[in-house]
Every structure is written in structure tokens, then in C-alpha cells.
Amino acid sequence: QKQFAAWVIRFERECANPSFDRDDFHGEGTALSQHLKQVLGDAYRVVYAKPREDPNHKTNRRTEIFI
């Protein structure tokens, strides 16, 4: 939970910055989602979704996480 909170705070602070590395941000979000899926197991569905603030949010906007 702390890792997700820090990740969201990072986005809120930096997303308006033109040099914000969105690929890195999404990579970190995907990695956190994969870890969550490993913890929860097959009984839960985990889907990573890009935030609307991302100019490319309609491209590959949702990714289901499998382990």
C-alpha cells in the first residue's frame, strides 16, 4: 500500500512537468500491479489503467495482469 501511495503522489507532483517520464511511470505501475497480483493470486483480477491525465491514455489504456 505504501508503494502505491508513493507512486500516486509522484504522479500528482510531476505529471504536469513536460519532462515527466511517462514510460517509466507506467513501468513502475505495471511492476506494482504484478506484485499485487502475485500477493492476491488467481482469486482476484488486477487491471492496470492509465490515468486520464496521460495524453496517450486511450492507447493501451487498460492491461490485465497475469502471473
C-alpha atoms as a PDB file:
ATOM      1  CA  GLN A   1       0.000   0.000   0.000  1.00  0.00           C
ATOM      2  CA  LYS A   2       2.843   2.403   0.812  1.00  0.00           C
ATOM      3  CA  GLN A   3       4.439   1.755  -2.584  1.00  0.00           C
ATOM      4  CA  PHE A   4       1.194   2.509  -4.417  1.00  0.00           C
ATOM      5  CA  ALA A   5       0.692   5.673  -2.358  1.00  0.00           C
ATOM      6  CA  ALA A   6       4.221   6.916  -3.135  1.00  0.00           C
ATOM      7  CA  TRP A   7       3.698   6.139  -6.821  1.00  0.00           C
ATOM      8  CA  VAL A   8       0.438   8.125  -6.948  1.00  0.00           C
ATOM      9  CA  ILE A   9       1.964  11.057  -5.069  1.00  0.00           C
ATOM     10  CA  ARG A  10       4.851  11.083  -7.550  1.00  0.00           C
ATOM     11  CA  PHE A  11       2.385  11.279 -10.419  1.00  0.00           C
ATOM     12  CA  GLU A  12       0.376  14.083  -8.809  1.00  0.00           C
ATOM     13  CA  ARG A  13       3.535  16.136  -8.214  1.00  0.00           C
ATOM     14  CA  GLU A  14       5.203  15.560 -11.580  1.00  0.00           C
ATOM     15  CA  CYS A  15       2.602  14.804 -14.268  1.00  0.00           C
ATOM     16  CA  ALA A  16       2.331  18.426 -15.449  1.00  0.00           C
ATOM     17  CA  ASN A  17       6.100  18.641 -15.958  1.00  0.00           C
ATOM     18  CA  PRO A  18       6.890  18.265 -19.701  1.00  0.00           C
ATOM     19  CA  SER A  19       9.944  16.158 -18.856  1.00  0.00           C
ATOM     20  CA  PHE A  20       7.927  13.672 -16.787  1.00  0.00           C
ATOM     21  CA  ASP A  21       8.898  10.185 -17.966  1.00  0.00           C
ATOM     22  CA  ARG A  22       5.522   8.561 -18.550  1.00  0.00           C
ATOM     23  CA  ASP A  23       7.036   5.298 -19.797  1.00  0.00           C
ATOM     24  CA  ASP A  24       8.983   4.950 -16.556  1.00  0.00           C
ATOM     25  CA  PHE A  25       5.868   5.828 -14.564  1.00  0.00           C
ATOM     26  CA  HIS A  26       3.777   3.190 -16.352  1.00  0.00           C
ATOM     27  CA  GLY A  27       6.582   0.647 -15.987  1.00  0.00           C
ATOM     28  CA  GLU A  28       6.591   1.214 -12.245  1.00  0.00           C
ATOM     29  CA  GLY A  29       2.781   0.991 -12.132  1.00  0.00           C
ATOM     30  CA  THR A  30       2.827  -2.267 -14.059  1.00  0.00           C
ATOM     31  CA  ALA A  31       5.504  -3.690 -11.745  1.00  0.00           C
ATOM     32  CA  LEU A  32       3.460  -2.710  -8.677  1.00  0.00           C
ATOM     33  CA  SER A  33       0.384  -4.294 -10.258  1.00  0.00           C
ATOM     34  CA  GLN A  34       2.294  -7.508 -10.977  1.00  0.00           C
ATOM     35  CA  HIS A  35       3.439  -7.658  -7.358  1.00  0.00           C
ATOM     36  CA  LEU A  36      -0.147  -7.096  -6.194  1.00  0.00           C
ATOM     37  CA  LYS A  37      -1.356  -9.908  -8.448  1.00  0.00           C
ATOM     38  CA  GLN A  38       1.274 -12.245  -7.005  1.00  0.00           C
ATOM     39  CA  VAL A  39       0.129 -11.386  -3.489  1.00  0.00           C
ATOM     40  CA  LEU A  40      -3.587 -11.741  -4.254  1.00  0.00           C
ATOM     41  CA  GLY A  41      -3.369 -14.748  -6.546  1.00  0.00           C
ATOM     42  CA  ASP A  42      -5.865 -16.051  -9.067  1.00  0.00           C
ATOM     43  CA  ALA A  43      -8.899 -15.293  -6.893  1.00  0.00           C
ATOM     44  CA  TYR A  44      -8.613 -11.617  -7.906  1.00  0.00           C
ATOM     45  CA  ARG A  45      -8.433  -9.756 -11.190  1.00  0.00           C
ATOM     46  CA  VAL A  46      -5.848  -6.951 -11.344  1.00  0.00           C
ATOM     47  CA  VAL A  47      -6.082  -4.390 -14.147  1.00  0.00           C
ATOM     48  CA  TYR A  48      -3.613  -1.546 -14.684  1.00  0.00           C
ATOM     49  CA  ALA A  49      -5.233   1.543 -16.224  1.00  0.00           C
ATOM     50  CA  LYS A  50      -3.517   4.704 -17.409  1.00  0.00           C
ATOM     51  CA  PRO A  51      -4.787   7.916 -15.806  1.00  0.00           C
ATOM     52  CA  ARG A  52      -6.838  10.313 -17.932  1.00  0.00           C
ATOM     53  CA  GLU A  53      -4.164  12.962 -17.421  1.00  0.00           C
ATOM     54  CA  ASP A  54      -1.858  10.950 -19.654  1.00  0.00           C
ATOM     55  CA  PRO A  55      -2.095  12.371 -23.189  1.00  0.00           C
ATOM     56  CA  ASN A  56      -1.909   8.783 -24.501  1.00  0.00           C
ATOM     57  CA  HIS A  57      -4.450   7.329 -22.070  1.00  0.00           C
ATOM     58  CA  LYS A  58      -6.547   5.905 -24.914  1.00  0.00           C
ATOM     59  CA  THR A  59      -3.614   3.865 -26.269  1.00  0.00           C
ATOM     60  CA  ASN A  60      -3.338   0.581 -24.390  1.00  0.00           C
ATOM     61  CA  ARG A  61      -5.294   2.215 -21.598  1.00  0.00           C
ATOM     62  CA  ARG A  62      -6.020  -0.977 -19.681  1.00  0.00           C
ATOM     63  CA  THR A  63      -3.846  -4.027 -19.149  1.00  0.00           C
ATOM     64  CA  GLU A  64      -4.949  -7.088 -17.227  1.00  0.00           C
ATOM     65  CA  ILE A  65      -2.140  -8.511 -15.119  1.00  0.00           C
ATOM     66  CA  PHE A  66      -1.491 -12.255 -15.201  1.00  0.00           C
ATOM     67  CA  ILE A  67       1.088 -14.309 -13.353  1.00  0.00           C
END
